Amino acid sequence: MNDDFEKTILKAQSGDKSALEEIIKKEQNNIYTTLFYLKKNETDLADIMQDVLIKLTQRIKQLKKPAYFKTWLNQIVINSYYDYLRKSRKKIITFDPFKINEEIEFEIPDNSSNPQNKILYNELDLIIKNAIENLPIQYKIPITLREIQGLSYDEISAITKTSIGTVKSRISRARAKIKDDIDKYTRG
């Protein structure tokens, strides 16, 4: 984290609303992306996103070390996700072979102008998204925090309240499952 962003956090903690707005603008895409990989339903995603932003606004003064902002914020995201699951009393589905895939708009940066490559990239992105979505929750959260948010194993360990060994193991298993899904797609 750069010094300017830490200064912005300190300003927000002292009540500067424009600094808080700047933080929200900077982080909202990261929050959305994390939730997108955890929860597919757009309505639910918007509800959880709103909850995260409210908690961020209400709790920014409680953050003791601005350098740990990203870990702190991701802890709020994960806790809000779990809160939502508990409130909705929905069963977490890890695999449904009869589920019809919904079209998902998600762009992968592509510098080529070849339409065939673009189609393949979009299909591959959908395969990866579905593979992550179908992971058990104990694998979905660590892989999303690692690969989408770019957090370290230490940060993920703190957020999930598990050992680093457990985090590494779960990420490894998630990667293996995603790789299997990609391999099935490419052979298929």
N, C-alpha and C. Protein backbone atom coordinates (compact mmCIF):
# COMPACT_ATOMS: atom_id res chain seq x y z
N MET A 1 0.85 -1.17 0.00
CA MET A 1 0.00 0.00 0.00
C MET A 1 0.90 1.23 0.00
N ASN A 2 0.52 2.21 -0.78
CA ASN A 2 1.35 3.41 -0.84
C ASN A 2 0.99 4.40 0.27
N ASP A 3 1.93 5.31 0.51
CA ASP A 3 1.77 6.28 1.59
C ASP A 3 0.56 7.20 1.38
N ASP A 4 0.28 7.55 0.12
CA ASP A 4 -0.86 8.43 -0.16
C ASP A 4 -2.18 7.78 0.26
N PHE A 5 -2.31 6.47 -0.03
CA PHE A 5 -3.54 5.78 0.34
C PHE A 5 -3.65 5.68 1.86
N GLU A 6 -2.54 5.44 2.54
CA GLU A 6 -2.56 5.40 4.01
C GLU A 6 -2.98 6.76 4.58
N LYS A 7 -2.52 7.84 3.95
CA LYS A 7 -2.93 9.18 4.39
C LYS A 7 -4.43 9.39 4.18
N THR A 8 -4.93 8.87 3.06
CA THR A 8 -6.37 8.96 2.78
C THR A 8 -7.16 8.20 3.84
N ILE A 9 -6.66 7.05 4.24
CA ILE A 9 -7.33 6.27 5.29
C ILE A 9 -7.34 7.05 6.60
N LEU A 10 -6.22 7.65 6.94
CA LEU A 10 -6.14 8.43 8.18
C LEU A 10 -7.10 9.61 8.14
N LYS A 11 -7.23 10.25 6.98
CA LYS A 11 -8.18 11.36 6.84
C LYS A 11 -9.61 10.86 7.04
N ALA A 12 -9.92 9.70 6.43
CA ALA A 12 -11.26 9.14 6.57
C ALA A 12 -11.55 8.79 8.03
N GLN A 13 -10.55 8.32 8.73
CA GLN A 13 -10.72 7.97 10.14
C GLN A 13 -10.97 9.21 11.00
N SER A 14 -10.48 10.34 10.53
CA SER A 14 -10.70 11.57 11.29
C SER A 14 -11.99 12.28 10.87
N GLY A 15 -12.78 11.64 10.00
CA GLY A 15 -14.08 12.19 9.65
C GLY A 15 -14.17 12.88 8.30
N ASP A 16 -13.12 12.85 7.51
CA ASP A 16 -13.11 13.47 6.19
C ASP A 16 -13.96 12.63 5.23
N LYS A 17 -15.13 13.12 4.86
CA LYS A 17 -16.06 12.37 4.02
C LYS A 17 -15.54 12.19 2.59
N SER A 18 -14.83 13.17 2.08
CA SER A 18 -14.29 13.03 0.72
C SER A 18 -13.21 11.95 0.68
N ALA A 19 -12.45 11.80 1.75
CA ALA A 19 -11.44 10.73 1.82
C ALA A 19 -12.12 9.37 1.86
N LEU A 20 -13.20 9.28 2.63
CA LEU A 20 -13.95 8.03 2.70
C LEU A 20 -14.54 7.69 1.33
N GLU A 21 -15.06 8.69 0.66
CA GLU A 21 -15.61 8.49 -0.68
C GLU A 21 -14.53 8.00 -1.65
N GLU A 22 -13.34 8.56 -1.53
CA GLU A 22 -12.21 8.14 -2.37
C GLU A 22 -11.85 6.67 -2.12
N ILE A 23 -11.86 6.26 -0.86
CA ILE A 23 -11.57 4.87 -0.51
C ILE A 23 -12.61 3.94 -1.12
N ILE A 24 -13.87 4.32 -0.98
CA ILE A 24 -14.95 3.49 -1.52
C ILE A 24 -14.83 3.38 -3.03
N LYS A 25 -14.58 4.48 -3.70
CA LYS A 25 -14.42 4.45 -5.16
C LYS A 25 -13.26 3.55 -5.58
N LYS A 26 -12.18 3.61 -4.81
CA LYS A 26 -11.00 2.81 -5.13
C LYS A 26 -11.24 1.32 -4.89
N GLU A 27 -11.99 0.98 -3.86
CA GLU A 27 -12.13 -0.42 -3.44
C GLU A 27 -13.39 -1.12 -3.92
N GLN A 28 -14.38 -0.39 -4.41
CA GLN A 28 -15.65 -1.03 -4.75
C GLN A 28 -15.51 -2.11 -5.82
N ASN A 29 -14.64 -1.92 -6.80
CA ASN A 29 -14.47 -2.96 -7.83
C ASN A 29 -13.85 -4.22 -7.24
N ASN A 30 -12.88 -4.05 -6.33
CA ASN A 30 -12.27 -5.22 -5.68
C ASN A 30 -13.30 -5.98 -4.85
N ILE A 31 -14.12 -5.25 -4.13
CA ILE A 31 -15.16 -5.88 -3.32
C ILE A 31 -16.13 -6.64 -4.22
N TYR A 32 -16.58 -5.98 -5.28
CA TYR A 32 -17.53 -6.59 -6.20
C TYR A 32 -16.94 -7.86 -6.82
N THR A 33 -15.68 -7.80 -7.25
CA THR A 33 -15.05 -8.95 -7.88
C THR A 33 -14.98 -10.14 -6.93
N THR A 34 -14.60 -9.87 -5.70
CA THR A 34 -14.53 -10.95 -4.71
C THR A 34 -15.91 -11.57 -4.51
N LEU A 35 -16.91 -10.73 -4.32
CA LEU A 35 -18.27 -11.23 -4.11
C LEU A 35 -18.81 -11.93 -5.36
N PHE A 36 -18.43 -11.46 -6.52
CA PHE A 36 -18.87 -12.06 -7.78
C PHE A 36 -18.44 -13.52 -7.85
N TYR A 37 -17.23 -13.81 -7.37
CA TYR A 37 -16.75 -15.18 -7.40
C TYR A 37 -17.32 -16.02 -6.27
N LEU A 38 -17.84 -15.38 -5.25
CA LEU A 38 -18.44 -16.13 -4.13
C LEU A 38 -19.93 -16.33 -4.32
N LYS A 39 -20.61 -15.36 -4.91
CA LYS A 39 -22.07 -15.39 -5.00
C LYS A 39 -22.51 -14.96 -6.39
N LYS A 40 -23.14 -15.85 -7.12
CA LYS A 40 -23.48 -15.57 -8.51
C LYS A 40 -24.71 -14.68 -8.68
N ASN A 41 -25.71 -14.82 -7.82
CA ASN A 41 -26.96 -14.10 -7.97
C ASN A 41 -26.73 -12.59 -7.81
N GLU A 42 -27.07 -11.83 -8.84
CA GLU A 42 -26.81 -10.39 -8.86
C GLU A 42 -27.54 -9.64 -7.74
N THR A 43 -28.76 -10.05 -7.43
CA THR A 43 -29.52 -9.37 -6.37
C THR A 43 -28.86 -9.59 -5.03
N ASP A 44 -28.50 -10.84 -4.75
CA ASP A 44 -27.81 -11.16 -3.50
C ASP A 44 -26.47 -10.43 -3.43
N LEU A 45 -25.79 -10.40 -4.54
CA LEU A 45 -24.48 -9.75 -4.59
C LEU A 45 -24.60 -8.27 -4.24
N ALA A 46 -25.61 -7.62 -4.77
CA ALA A 46 -25.81 -6.19 -4.48
C ALA A 46 -26.12 -5.97 -2.99
N ASP A 47 -26.89 -6.88 -2.41
CA ASP A 47 -27.21 -6.77 -0.98
C ASP A 47 -25.96 -6.92 -0.12
N ILE A 48 -25.15 -7.91 -0.45
CA ILE A 48 -23.93 -8.14 0.32
C ILE A 48 -22.97 -6.96 0.13
N MET A 49 -22.87 -6.48 -1.09
CA MET A 49 -21.99 -5.34 -1.40
C MET A 49 -22.40 -4.13 -0.57
N GLN A 50 -23.68 -3.87 -0.50
CA GLN A 50 -24.18 -2.73 0.28
C GLN A 50 -23.82 -2.91 1.76
N ASP A 51 -23.97 -4.12 2.26
CA ASP A 51 -23.63 -4.40 3.65
C ASP A 51 -22.15 -4.14 3.91
N VAL A 52 -21.30 -4.57 2.99
CA VAL A 52 -19.85 -4.35 3.14
C VAL A 52 -19.54 -2.86 3.17
N LEU A 53 -20.11 -2.10 2.26
CA LEU A 53 -19.84 -0.66 2.20
C LEU A 53 -20.34 0.07 3.45
N ILE A 54 -21.46 -0.37 3.97
CA ILE A 54 -21.98 0.23 5.21
C ILE A 54 -21.01 -0.06 6.37
N LYS A 55 -20.58 -1.31 6.47
CA LYS A 55 -19.65 -1.69 7.54
C LYS A 55 -18.31 -0.96 7.39
N LEU A 56 -17.84 -0.82 6.17
CA LEU A 56 -16.61 -0.08 5.92
C LEU A 56 -16.75 1.35 6.43
N THR A 57 -17.85 1.97 6.10
CA THR A 57 -18.11 3.35 6.53
C THR A 57 -18.21 3.47 8.05
N GLN A 58 -18.90 2.54 8.65
CA GLN A 58 -19.11 2.59 10.09
C GLN A 58 -17.87 2.22 10.90
N ARG A 59 -17.04 1.36 10.36
CA ARG A 59 -15.93 0.80 11.14
C ARG A 59 -14.54 1.32 10.78
N ILE A 60 -14.44 2.24 9.83
CA ILE A 60 -13.13 2.72 9.39
C ILE A 60 -12.31 3.26 10.55
N LYS A 61 -12.96 3.86 11.53
CA LYS A 61 -12.24 4.42 12.68
C LYS A 61 -11.64 3.34 13.57
N GLN A 62 -12.15 2.13 13.48
CA GLN A 62 -11.65 1.02 14.30
C GLN A 62 -10.37 0.39 13.74
N LEU A 63 -10.04 0.69 12.49
CA LEU A 63 -8.83 0.14 11.88
C LEU A 63 -7.61 0.74 12.57
N LYS A 64 -6.80 -0.11 13.20
CA LYS A 64 -5.67 0.39 13.98
C LYS A 64 -4.45 0.69 13.13
N LYS A 65 -4.21 -0.12 12.10
CA LYS A 65 -3.03 0.07 11.25
C LYS A 65 -3.46 0.19 9.79
N PRO A 66 -3.40 1.37 9.22
CA PRO A 66 -3.81 1.55 7.83
C PRO A 66 -3.07 0.63 6.84
N ALA A 67 -1.87 0.20 7.19
CA ALA A 67 -1.11 -0.69 6.31
C ALA A 67 -1.83 -2.03 6.11
N TYR A 68 -2.70 -2.39 7.06
CA TYR A 68 -3.44 -3.65 6.98
C TYR A 68 -4.85 -3.46 6.45
N PHE A 69 -5.09 -2.36 5.77
CA PHE A 69 -6.43 -2.05 5.28
C PHE A 69 -7.01 -3.16 4.41
N LYS A 70 -6.22 -3.67 3.46
CA LYS A 70 -6.74 -4.67 2.52
C LYS A 70 -7.17 -5.94 3.26
N THR A 71 -6.38 -6.37 4.22
CA THR A 71 -6.75 -7.55 5.01
C THR A 71 -8.00 -7.26 5.82
N TRP A 72 -8.04 -6.11 6.44
CA TRP A 72 -9.18 -5.70 7.25
C TRP A 72 -10.46 -5.66 6.41
N LEU A 73 -10.37 -5.05 5.22
CA LEU A 73 -11.54 -4.95 4.35
C LEU A 73 -11.99 -6.32 3.87
N ASN A 74 -11.06 -7.19 3.50
CA ASN A 74 -11.45 -8.52 3.05
C ASN A 74 -12.07 -9.34 4.18
N GLN A 75 -11.67 -9.08 5.40
CA GLN A 75 -12.32 -9.74 6.54
C GLN A 75 -13.78 -9.30 6.61
N ILE A 76 -14.04 -8.04 6.38
CA ILE A 76 -15.43 -7.54 6.36
C ILE A 76 -16.20 -8.20 5.22
N VAL A 77 -15.59 -8.32 4.05
CA VAL A 77 -16.25 -8.93 2.90
C VAL A 77 -16.63 -10.38 3.21
N ILE A 78 -15.69 -11.15 3.74
CA ILE A 78 -15.94 -12.56 4.03
C ILE A 78 -16.99 -12.70 5.14
N ASN A 79 -16.87 -11.90 6.18
CA ASN A 79 -17.85 -11.96 7.26
C ASN A 79 -19.25 -11.58 6.77
N SER A 80 -19.34 -10.59 5.90
CA SER A 80 -20.64 -10.20 5.35
C SER A 80 -21.22 -11.32 4.49
N TYR A 81 -20.36 -11.99 3.76
CA TYR A 81 -20.80 -13.13 2.95
C TYR A 81 -21.36 -14.24 3.85
N TYR A 82 -20.62 -14.57 4.91
CA TYR A 82 -21.11 -15.59 5.86
C TYR A 82 -22.40 -15.14 6.54
N ASP A 83 -22.47 -13.87 6.92
CA ASP A 83 -23.70 -13.34 7.54
C ASP A 83 -24.89 -13.51 6.60
N TYR A 84 -24.66 -13.21 5.34
CA TYR A 84 -25.73 -13.34 4.36
C TYR A 84 -26.19 -14.80 4.25
N LEU A 85 -25.22 -15.72 4.21
CA LEU A 85 -25.57 -17.14 4.12
C LEU A 85 -26.39 -17.58 5.33
N ARG A 86 -25.99 -17.12 6.52
CA ARG A 86 -26.73 -17.48 7.73
C ARG A 86 -28.14 -16.89 7.71
N LYS A 87 -28.25 -15.64 7.30
CA LYS A 87 -29.56 -14.96 7.28
C LYS A 87 -30.50 -15.59 6.26
N SER A 88 -29.96 -15.94 5.13
CA SER A 88 -30.81 -16.46 4.07
C SER A 88 -31.16 -17.93 4.28
N ARG A 89 -30.41 -18.57 5.17
CA ARG A 89 -30.63 -19.99 5.47
C ARG A 89 -30.66 -20.84 4.22
N LYS A 90 -29.90 -20.40 3.25
CA LYS A 90 -29.82 -21.17 2.02
C LYS A 90 -28.73 -22.21 2.16
N LYS A 91 -28.98 -23.33 1.58
CA LYS A 91 -28.00 -24.40 1.60
C LYS A 91 -26.91 -24.04 0.59
N ILE A 92 -25.68 -24.23 0.98
CA ILE A 92 -24.57 -23.95 0.07
C ILE A 92 -24.46 -25.11 -0.90
N ILE A 93 -24.64 -24.83 -2.14
CA ILE A 93 -24.58 -25.87 -3.17
C ILE A 93 -23.17 -25.88 -3.74
N THR A 94 -22.54 -27.06 -3.71
CA THR A 94 -21.19 -27.14 -4.23
C THR A 94 -21.15 -27.70 -5.65
N PHE A 95 -22.21 -28.46 -6.03
CA PHE A 95 -22.24 -29.00 -7.38
C PHE A 95 -23.66 -29.36 -7.74
N ASP A 96 -24.10 -28.93 -8.88
CA ASP A 96 -25.43 -29.27 -9.36
C ASP A 96 -25.30 -29.60 -10.85
N PRO A 97 -25.27 -30.89 -11.20
CA PRO A 97 -25.05 -31.28 -12.59
C PRO A 97 -26.17 -30.88 -13.53
N PHE A 98 -27.35 -30.53 -12.98
CA PHE A 98 -28.48 -30.17 -13.81
C PHE A 98 -28.66 -28.67 -13.97
N LYS A 99 -27.74 -27.93 -13.38
CA LYS A 99 -27.84 -26.48 -13.40
C LYS A 99 -27.56 -25.97 -14.82
N ILE A 100 -28.40 -25.09 -15.27
CA ILE A 100 -28.20 -24.48 -16.58
C ILE A 100 -27.33 -23.26 -16.38
N ASN A 101 -26.25 -23.19 -17.12
CA ASN A 101 -25.33 -22.05 -16.98
C ASN A 101 -25.99 -20.78 -17.47
N GLU A 102 -25.86 -19.75 -16.66
CA GLU A 102 -26.35 -18.44 -17.05
C GLU A 102 -25.24 -17.72 -17.77
N GLU A 103 -25.62 -16.86 -18.68
CA GLU A 103 -24.62 -16.07 -19.38
C GLU A 103 -24.03 -15.04 -18.43
N ILE A 104 -22.72 -14.95 -18.41
CA ILE A 104 -22.03 -14.04 -17.51
C ILE A 104 -21.19 -13.09 -18.34
N GLU A 105 -21.35 -11.81 -18.08
CA GLU A 105 -20.53 -10.83 -18.76
C GLU A 105 -19.32 -10.55 -17.91
N PHE A 106 -18.17 -10.95 -18.39
CA PHE A 106 -16.93 -10.76 -17.66
C PHE A 106 -15.83 -10.65 -18.70
N GLU A 107 -15.11 -9.59 -18.68
CA GLU A 107 -14.12 -9.37 -19.70
C GLU A 107 -12.73 -9.78 -19.25
N ILE A 108 -12.04 -10.48 -20.15
CA ILE A 108 -10.63 -10.80 -19.95
C ILE A 108 -9.88 -9.90 -20.93
N PRO A 109 -8.86 -9.19 -20.43
CA PRO A 109 -8.12 -8.33 -21.35
C PRO A 109 -7.58 -9.15 -22.52
N ASP A 110 -7.82 -8.68 -23.71
CA ASP A 110 -7.40 -9.40 -24.91
C ASP A 110 -6.88 -8.39 -25.92
N ASN A 111 -5.63 -8.53 -26.26
CA ASN A 111 -5.01 -7.60 -27.20
C ASN A 111 -5.16 -8.06 -28.64
N SER A 112 -5.63 -9.26 -28.87
CA SER A 112 -5.76 -9.74 -30.24
C SER A 112 -7.10 -9.30 -30.81
N SER A 113 -7.17 -9.29 -32.13
CA SER A 113 -8.43 -8.92 -32.76
C SER A 113 -9.09 -10.14 -33.39
N ASN A 114 -8.56 -11.31 -33.10
CA ASN A 114 -9.08 -12.54 -33.66
C ASN A 114 -10.37 -12.93 -32.94
N PRO A 115 -11.51 -12.93 -33.65
CA PRO A 115 -12.79 -13.26 -33.01
C PRO A 115 -12.82 -14.67 -32.41
N GLN A 116 -12.17 -15.61 -33.07
CA GLN A 116 -12.15 -16.98 -32.55
C GLN A 116 -11.45 -17.03 -31.20
N ASN A 117 -10.34 -16.31 -31.05
CA ASN A 117 -9.65 -16.27 -29.76
C ASN A 117 -10.52 -15.62 -28.69
N LYS A 118 -11.25 -14.58 -29.06
CA LYS A 118 -12.12 -13.92 -28.10
C LYS A 118 -13.20 -14.87 -27.60
N ILE A 119 -13.77 -15.65 -28.49
CA ILE A 119 -14.79 -16.63 -28.10
C ILE A 119 -14.18 -17.66 -27.15
N LEU A 120 -12.99 -18.15 -27.48
CA LEU A 120 -12.34 -19.14 -26.63
C LEU A 120 -12.01 -18.57 -25.25
N TYR A 121 -11.53 -17.33 -25.21
CA TYR A 121 -11.24 -16.70 -23.92
C TYR A 121 -12.50 -16.54 -23.09
N ASN A 122 -13.61 -16.14 -23.73
CA ASN A 122 -14.87 -15.99 -23.00
C ASN A 122 -15.37 -17.34 -22.48
N GLU A 123 -15.24 -18.38 -23.29
CA GLU A 123 -15.65 -19.71 -22.86
C GLU A 123 -14.77 -20.19 -21.70
N LEU A 124 -13.47 -19.98 -21.80
CA LEU A 124 -12.55 -20.39 -20.75
C LEU A 124 -12.84 -19.62 -19.46
N ASP A 125 -13.13 -18.35 -19.58
CA ASP A 125 -13.47 -17.56 -18.39
C ASP A 125 -14.71 -18.11 -17.72
N LEU A 126 -15.69 -18.49 -18.50
CA LEU A 126 -16.92 -19.06 -17.95
C LEU A 126 -16.63 -20.40 -17.26
N ILE A 127 -15.76 -21.21 -17.85
CA ILE A 127 -15.38 -22.50 -17.24
C ILE A 127 -14.71 -22.26 -15.90
N ILE A 128 -13.80 -21.29 -15.84
CA ILE A 128 -13.09 -20.98 -14.60
C ILE A 128 -14.07 -20.44 -13.56
N LYS A 129 -14.93 -19.52 -13.95
CA LYS A 129 -15.93 -18.96 -13.04
C LYS A 129 -16.82 -20.06 -12.46
N ASN A 130 -17.30 -20.94 -13.32
CA ASN A 130 -18.16 -22.03 -12.86
C ASN A 130 -17.39 -23.01 -11.97
N ALA A 131 -16.13 -23.25 -12.30
CA ALA A 131 -15.32 -24.15 -11.47
C ALA A 131 -15.15 -23.57 -10.07
N ILE A 132 -14.89 -22.27 -9.97
CA ILE A 132 -14.76 -21.63 -8.66
C ILE A 132 -16.10 -21.65 -7.93
N GLU A 133 -17.16 -21.36 -8.64
CA GLU A 133 -18.49 -21.34 -8.02
C GLU A 133 -18.88 -22.70 -7.46
N ASN A 134 -18.45 -23.78 -8.11
CA ASN A 134 -18.83 -25.12 -7.68
C ASN A 134 -17.92 -25.70 -6.61
N LEU A 135 -16.90 -24.96 -6.21
CA LEU A 135 -16.02 -25.43 -5.14
C LEU A 135 -16.74 -25.39 -3.80
N PRO A 136 -16.39 -26.29 -2.90
CA PRO A 136 -16.91 -26.17 -1.53
C PRO A 136 -16.43 -24.84 -0.93
N ILE A 137 -17.20 -24.29 -0.02
CA ILE A 137 -16.93 -22.97 0.54
C ILE A 137 -15.54 -22.87 1.14
N GLN A 138 -15.05 -23.97 1.76
CA GLN A 138 -13.74 -23.90 2.40
C GLN A 138 -12.61 -23.76 1.38
N TYR A 139 -12.87 -24.06 0.10
CA TYR A 139 -11.88 -23.86 -0.96
C TYR A 139 -12.15 -22.57 -1.74
N LYS A 140 -13.43 -22.24 -1.88
CA LYS A 140 -13.83 -21.08 -2.69
C LYS A 140 -13.27 -19.77 -2.11
N ILE A 141 -13.37 -19.60 -0.81
CA ILE A 141 -12.92 -18.34 -0.21
C ILE A 141 -11.40 -18.16 -0.34
N PRO A 142 -10.59 -19.16 0.06
CA PRO A 142 -9.14 -18.94 -0.07
C PRO A 142 -8.67 -18.72 -1.51
N ILE A 143 -9.23 -19.48 -2.47
CA ILE A 143 -8.77 -19.32 -3.86
C ILE A 143 -9.19 -17.96 -4.40
N THR A 144 -10.36 -17.48 -4.01
CA THR A 144 -10.81 -16.16 -4.46
C THR A 144 -9.93 -15.06 -3.86
N LEU A 145 -9.64 -15.17 -2.58
CA LEU A 145 -8.79 -14.16 -1.94
C LEU A 145 -7.38 -14.17 -2.53
N ARG A 146 -6.87 -15.34 -2.87
CA ARG A 146 -5.51 -15.45 -3.41
C ARG A 146 -5.46 -15.00 -4.88
N GLU A 147 -6.29 -15.58 -5.70
CA GLU A 147 -6.19 -15.36 -7.15
C GLU A 147 -6.91 -14.11 -7.63
N ILE A 148 -7.98 -13.72 -6.99
CA ILE A 148 -8.72 -12.54 -7.43
C ILE A 148 -8.23 -11.30 -6.70
N GLN A 149 -8.07 -11.39 -5.38
CA GLN A 149 -7.63 -10.23 -4.58
C GLN A 149 -6.11 -10.13 -4.49
N GLY A 150 -5.38 -11.23 -4.72
CA GLY A 150 -3.92 -11.20 -4.66
C GLY A 150 -3.37 -11.13 -3.24
N LEU A 151 -4.12 -11.63 -2.27
CA LEU A 151 -3.65 -11.59 -0.89
C LEU A 151 -2.60 -12.66 -0.65
N SER A 152 -1.75 -12.43 0.35
CA SER A 152 -0.73 -13.40 0.72
C SER A 152 -1.36 -14.52 1.53
N TYR A 153 -0.62 -15.62 1.69
CA TYR A 153 -1.10 -16.72 2.50
C TYR A 153 -1.32 -16.27 3.95
N ASP A 154 -0.44 -15.42 4.44
CA ASP A 154 -0.58 -14.90 5.81
C ASP A 154 -1.88 -14.12 5.97
N GLU A 155 -2.18 -13.27 4.99
CA GLU A 155 -3.41 -12.47 5.06
C GLU A 155 -4.65 -13.36 5.00
N ILE A 156 -4.61 -14.35 4.12
CA ILE A 156 -5.75 -15.27 3.99
C ILE A 156 -5.91 -16.07 5.28
N SER A 157 -4.80 -16.47 5.87
CA SER A 157 -4.83 -17.20 7.13
C SER A 157 -5.51 -16.37 8.22
N ALA A 158 -5.18 -15.09 8.27
CA ALA A 158 -5.78 -14.20 9.27
C ALA A 158 -7.28 -14.02 9.02
N ILE A 159 -7.66 -13.86 7.77
CA ILE A 159 -9.06 -13.63 7.43
C ILE A 159 -9.91 -14.87 7.70
N THR A 160 -9.39 -16.03 7.31
CA THR A 160 -10.17 -17.27 7.46
C THR A 160 -9.99 -17.93 8.82
N LYS A 161 -9.07 -17.39 9.60
CA LYS A 161 -8.78 -17.93 10.93
C LYS A 161 -8.38 -19.40 10.87
N THR A 162 -7.52 -19.72 9.89
CA THR A 162 -6.96 -21.06 9.75
C THR A 162 -5.45 -20.94 9.62
N SER A 163 -4.76 -22.06 9.77
CA SER A 163 -3.30 -22.03 9.68
C SER A 163 -2.86 -21.80 8.24
N ILE A 164 -1.63 -21.36 8.08
CA ILE A 164 -1.09 -21.14 6.73
C ILE A 164 -1.05 -22.46 5.96
N GLY A 165 -0.71 -23.55 6.65
CA GLY A 165 -0.70 -24.86 6.01
C GLY A 165 -2.07 -25.24 5.46
N THR A 166 -3.10 -24.96 6.23
CA THR A 166 -4.46 -25.24 5.78
C THR A 166 -4.82 -24.38 4.58
N VAL A 167 -4.44 -23.11 4.64
CA VAL A 167 -4.71 -22.21 3.52
C VAL A 167 -4.02 -22.72 2.25
N LYS A 168 -2.75 -23.07 2.36
CA LYS A 168 -2.01 -23.57 1.19
C LYS A 168 -2.63 -24.85 0.65
N SER A 169 -3.03 -25.73 1.55
CA SER A 169 -3.65 -27.00 1.15
C SER A 169 -4.97 -26.74 0.42
N ARG A 170 -5.79 -25.86 0.96
CA ARG A 170 -7.09 -25.58 0.34
C ARG A 170 -6.93 -24.90 -1.01
N ILE A 171 -5.97 -24.01 -1.12
CA ILE A 171 -5.73 -23.35 -2.41
C ILE A 171 -5.22 -24.37 -3.43
N SER A 172 -4.34 -25.25 -2.98
CA SER A 172 -3.82 -26.29 -3.88
C SER A 172 -4.94 -27.19 -4.38
N ARG A 173 -5.83 -27.60 -3.49
CA ARG A 173 -6.95 -28.45 -3.88
C ARG A 173 -7.90 -27.71 -4.81
N ALA A 174 -8.12 -26.44 -4.54
CA ALA A 174 -8.99 -25.64 -5.41
C ALA A 174 -8.39 -25.53 -6.80
N ARG A 175 -7.09 -25.26 -6.85
CA ARG A 175 -6.42 -25.16 -8.17
C ARG A 175 -6.51 -26.48 -8.92
N ALA A 176 -6.33 -27.59 -8.22
CA ALA A 176 -6.40 -28.90 -8.87
C ALA A 176 -7.80 -29.14 -9.44
N LYS A 177 -8.84 -28.76 -8.68
CA LYS A 177 -10.21 -28.94 -9.15
C LYS A 177 -10.49 -28.05 -10.36
N ILE A 178 -10.01 -26.82 -10.30
CA ILE A 178 -10.21 -25.90 -11.43
C ILE A 178 -9.48 -26.43 -12.66
N LYS A 179 -8.25 -26.93 -12.45
CA LYS A 179 -7.47 -27.49 -13.56
C LYS A 179 -8.21 -28.69 -14.17
N ASP A 180 -8.78 -29.55 -13.32
CA ASP A 180 -9.55 -30.70 -13.83
C ASP A 180 -10.71 -30.23 -14.70
N ASP A 181 -11.41 -29.20 -14.25
CA ASP A 181 -12.53 -28.67 -15.02
C ASP A 181 -12.07 -28.11 -16.36
N ILE A 182 -10.95 -27.42 -16.36
CA ILE A 182 -10.40 -26.89 -17.61
C ILE A 182 -9.96 -28.02 -18.53
N ASP A 183 -9.32 -29.04 -17.95
CA ASP A 183 -8.89 -30.19 -18.75
C ASP A 183 -10.09 -30.91 -19.39
N LYS A 184 -11.16 -31.07 -18.62
CA LYS A 184 -12.37 -31.70 -19.17
C LYS A 184 -12.91 -30.88 -20.33
N TYR A 185 -12.86 -29.57 -20.19
CA TYR A 185 -13.34 -28.68 -21.24
C TYR A 185 -12.48 -28.81 -22.50
N THR A 186 -11.17 -28.81 -22.32
CA THR A 186 -10.28 -28.84 -23.49
C THR A 186 -10.28 -30.20 -24.18
N ARG A 187 -10.56 -31.26 -23.43
CA ARG A 187 -10.62 -32.62 -24.04
C ARG A 187 -11.98 -32.87 -24.66
N GLY A 188 -12.98 -32.15 -24.15
CA GLY A 188 -14.34 -32.47 -24.42
C GLY A 188 -14.98 -32.14 -25.66
